[in-house]
N, C-alpha and C. Protein backbone atom coordinates (compact mmCIF):
# COMPACT_ATOMS: atom_id res chain seq x y z
N UNK A 1 4.67 -35.09 -62.09
CA UNK A 1 5.35 -36.20 -62.33
C UNK A 1 5.20 -36.59 -63.75
N UNK A 2 6.16 -36.75 -64.62
CA UNK A 2 5.51 -37.09 -65.78
C UNK A 2 5.49 -38.62 -66.03
N UNK A 3 4.37 -39.16 -66.30
CA UNK A 3 4.30 -40.83 -66.49
C UNK A 3 4.14 -41.10 -67.98
N UNK A 4 4.82 -42.27 -68.43
CA UNK A 4 4.78 -42.79 -69.72
C UNK A 4 3.33 -43.03 -70.14
N UNK A 5 2.95 -42.70 -71.20
CA UNK A 5 1.68 -43.03 -71.90
C UNK A 5 1.85 -44.03 -73.29
N UNK A 6 0.97 -45.07 -73.05
CA UNK A 6 1.30 -46.06 -74.49
C UNK A 6 0.62 -45.43 -75.47
N UNK A 7 1.20 -45.37 -76.76
CA UNK A 7 0.56 -45.01 -77.84
C UNK A 7 -0.54 -45.84 -78.24
N UNK A 8 -1.39 -45.22 -78.71
CA UNK A 8 -2.59 -45.95 -79.34
C UNK A 8 -2.32 -45.66 -80.91
N UNK A 9 -1.77 -46.59 -81.47
CA UNK A 9 -1.37 -46.70 -82.90
C UNK A 9 -2.53 -46.81 -83.71
N UNK A 10 -3.74 -47.32 -83.54
CA UNK A 10 -4.94 -47.22 -84.33
C UNK A 10 -5.32 -45.73 -84.63
N UNK A 11 -5.15 -44.90 -83.66
CA UNK A 11 -5.66 -43.42 -83.90
C UNK A 11 -4.62 -42.71 -84.84
N UNK A 12 -3.66 -43.18 -85.03
CA UNK A 12 -2.43 -42.16 -86.05
C UNK A 12 -3.05 -42.50 -87.22
N UNK A 13 -2.76 -41.33 -87.96
CA UNK A 13 -2.95 -41.39 -89.52
C UNK A 13 -1.55 -42.02 -89.99
N UNK A 14 -1.72 -42.10 -91.33
CA UNK A 14 -0.31 -42.55 -91.93
C UNK A 14 0.87 -41.79 -91.49
N UNK A 15 0.67 -40.29 -91.93
CA UNK A 15 2.15 -39.77 -91.71
C UNK A 15 2.61 -39.60 -90.12
N UNK A 16 1.34 -39.53 -89.32
CA UNK A 16 1.87 -39.72 -87.69
C UNK A 16 2.45 -41.04 -87.35
N UNK A 17 2.14 -42.11 -87.98
CA UNK A 17 2.43 -43.46 -87.46
C UNK A 17 4.08 -43.57 -88.31
N UNK A 18 4.01 -43.06 -89.36
CA UNK A 18 5.36 -43.13 -90.14
C UNK A 18 6.47 -42.21 -89.40
N UNK A 19 6.25 -41.28 -88.88
CA UNK A 19 7.03 -40.24 -88.06
C UNK A 19 7.17 -41.19 -86.84
N UNK A 20 6.24 -41.57 -86.02
CA UNK A 20 6.56 -42.42 -84.70
C UNK A 20 7.50 -43.26 -85.11
N UNK A 21 7.27 -44.32 -86.23
CA UNK A 21 8.37 -45.56 -86.29
C UNK A 21 9.81 -44.89 -86.74
N UNK A 22 9.80 -43.84 -87.40
CA UNK A 22 11.05 -43.20 -87.63
C UNK A 22 11.71 -42.87 -86.30
N UNK A 23 10.78 -42.13 -85.41
CA UNK A 23 11.42 -41.99 -84.19
C UNK A 23 11.83 -43.11 -83.19
N UNK A 24 11.17 -44.38 -83.27
CA UNK A 24 11.30 -45.51 -82.55
C UNK A 24 12.78 -46.26 -83.29
N UNK A 25 12.71 -46.15 -84.37
CA UNK A 25 14.04 -46.63 -85.21
C UNK A 25 15.19 -45.70 -84.63
N UNK A 26 15.24 -44.54 -84.50
CA UNK A 26 16.41 -43.75 -84.23
C UNK A 26 16.52 -43.89 -82.63
N UNK A 27 15.49 -44.12 -82.10
CA UNK A 27 15.83 -44.45 -80.49
C UNK A 27 16.59 -45.73 -80.19
N UNK A 28 16.09 -46.80 -81.13
CA UNK A 28 16.71 -48.05 -81.05
C UNK A 28 18.22 -47.86 -81.74
N UNK A 29 18.36 -47.17 -82.63
CA UNK A 29 19.80 -46.90 -83.09
C UNK A 29 20.59 -46.17 -81.99
N UNK A 30 20.19 -45.79 -81.18
CA UNK A 30 20.83 -44.98 -80.27
C UNK A 30 21.50 -46.03 -79.21
N UNK A 31 21.29 -47.29 -78.96
CA UNK A 31 21.85 -48.03 -78.20
C UNK A 31 22.55 -49.33 -79.01
N UNK A 32 23.46 -50.12 -78.47
CA UNK A 32 24.29 -51.02 -78.96
C UNK A 32 23.21 -52.49 -78.90
N UNK A 33 22.55 -52.54 -79.94
CA UNK A 33 21.62 -53.53 -80.27
C UNK A 33 22.45 -54.70 -80.57
N UNK A 34 23.45 -54.86 -81.12
CA UNK A 34 24.24 -56.04 -81.55
C UNK A 34 24.61 -56.71 -80.06
N UNK A 35 25.03 -55.96 -79.20
CA UNK A 35 25.57 -56.81 -77.93
C UNK A 35 24.17 -57.28 -77.12
N UNK A 36 23.17 -56.80 -77.31
CA UNK A 36 21.93 -57.13 -76.75
C UNK A 36 21.14 -58.42 -77.52
N UNK A 37 21.65 -58.79 -78.86
CA UNK A 37 21.03 -59.68 -79.52
C UNK A 37 19.95 -59.20 -80.35
N UNK A 38 19.98 -57.94 -80.61
CA UNK A 38 18.63 -57.59 -81.08
C UNK A 38 18.88 -56.92 -82.70
N UNK A 39 19.84 -57.12 -83.21
CA UNK A 39 20.22 -56.55 -84.60
C UNK A 39 19.35 -57.03 -85.70
N UNK A 40 19.16 -58.38 -85.62
CA UNK A 40 18.14 -58.80 -86.62
C UNK A 40 16.74 -58.25 -86.44
N UNK A 41 16.20 -57.88 -85.28
CA UNK A 41 15.01 -57.40 -85.17
C UNK A 41 15.13 -55.63 -85.47
N UNK A 42 16.13 -55.30 -85.03
CA UNK A 42 16.34 -53.79 -85.47
C UNK A 42 16.32 -53.73 -86.81
N UNK A 43 17.16 -54.47 -87.78
CA UNK A 43 16.93 -54.48 -89.13
C UNK A 43 15.79 -54.66 -89.78
N UNK A 44 15.09 -55.48 -89.22
CA UNK A 44 13.53 -55.93 -89.77
C UNK A 44 12.75 -54.70 -89.40
N UNK A 45 12.87 -53.99 -88.29
CA UNK A 45 11.99 -52.79 -88.14
C UNK A 45 12.35 -51.70 -89.09
N UNK A 46 13.66 -51.59 -89.47
CA UNK A 46 14.38 -50.47 -90.23
C UNK A 46 13.60 -50.68 -91.73
N UNK A 47 13.95 -52.00 -92.01
CA UNK A 47 13.32 -52.42 -93.45
C UNK A 47 11.88 -52.16 -93.73
N UNK A 48 11.10 -52.59 -92.60
CA UNK A 48 9.54 -52.30 -92.84
C UNK A 48 9.31 -51.00 -92.86
N UNK A 49 9.96 -50.17 -92.05
CA UNK A 49 9.60 -48.66 -91.87
C UNK A 49 9.96 -47.77 -93.09
N UNK A 50 11.27 -48.45 -93.87
CA UNK A 50 11.43 -47.74 -95.02
C UNK A 50 10.37 -48.22 -96.36
N UNK A 51 9.89 -49.58 -96.16
CA UNK A 51 9.01 -49.93 -97.07
C UNK A 51 7.73 -49.29 -97.17
N UNK A 52 7.31 -48.57 -95.69
CA UNK A 52 5.96 -48.07 -95.44
C UNK A 52 6.42 -46.65 -96.02
N UNK A 53 7.58 -45.94 -95.84
CA UNK A 53 7.77 -44.71 -96.26
C UNK A 53 7.67 -44.70 -97.62
N UNK A 54 8.04 -45.80 -98.51
CA UNK A 54 8.28 -45.86 -99.62
C UNK A 54 6.57 -45.78 -100.61
N UNK A 55 5.80 -46.90 -99.66
CA UNK A 55 4.56 -46.80 -100.16
C UNK A 55 3.85 -45.71 -99.66
N UNK A 56 4.10 -45.04 -98.96
CA UNK A 56 3.23 -43.72 -98.36
C UNK A 56 3.64 -42.57 -99.30
C-alpha cells in the first residue's frame, strides 16, 4: 500500500525546491480553482514560484 509522505522542504536544495513548486503549480492548475474560490491563492503561488525561478 502506498502512503502519502509529507515533503520535508528544509532538506530540499534550491533546484529541488523549485521543481517541487513547479509541480505543485501544475497540479493546482489541473483543477478548477476559480469555482473553489482559490484563484487568488493560485495566482500568488504562481507569481512567487516564477519570482524564485528568476532569482535562482
